[in-house]
Amino acid sequence: MKIYTKTGDDGETGLFGGARVSKASARVEAYGTVDELNAALGVVRAAGAEATLDALLGEVQSDLFTLGAELATVPGKESALGIPLLNAKDVARLEAAIDASEATLAPLKNFVLPAGTPVAAALHLARTVCRRAERAVVGLPDAETARGELMIYLNRLSDLLFSLARQANHRAGVDDVPWSRRG
């Protein structure tokens, strides 16, 4: 099977369920940004994430593939995907990971810059892509709105990525880089 189909040469792409939409549509932007986030997490893993973090990010990447598949489906036809969709249990899993990560860290007393170790910096970058994905999903037109679970998942995930970035620095013995006010 060839990787190219030529069906998108006119600027449109197909959604699962048969509809054709512009590649510039809000829905394509949303699932494209989720795909970008997934790739950013792959960069974190390739940067040398320790085994526990690598395993957690692998689970999240699988979740994001499911989330992206749902967004790439004609609204109302999600059940045709034939896969379990993200739900409150997935959000609870992220919350448990946040709590576990935060338990190892000193409380924040000021804003921190996205810096530190290569893994931490890559996690911070993934966090910003996650926030953009969340904005894209929230911004879907009324006729195409996503399930609330997707927005909640992305919101928790960005919190988790922030906490994991701090934890990566902590475990490497690198201090968070505090933001200093100008002037």
Foldseek 3Di string as FASTA:
>chain_A
DDPDDCPCVVQWDAFAVGDIDGCPALLVVLLVLLVVLLVLLVVLVVLPDPDVSNVVNVVVSVLSVLVSNQSSHDPPCNVVVVDDHDDPVLLVVLVVLLVVLVVVDDDDPADFDQDARPSLNSLLVSLVSLVVSLVSQVPHDPVRHDDPSSNSSSVSSSSSSNSVSCSVRVVVVHHTHGDDDDD
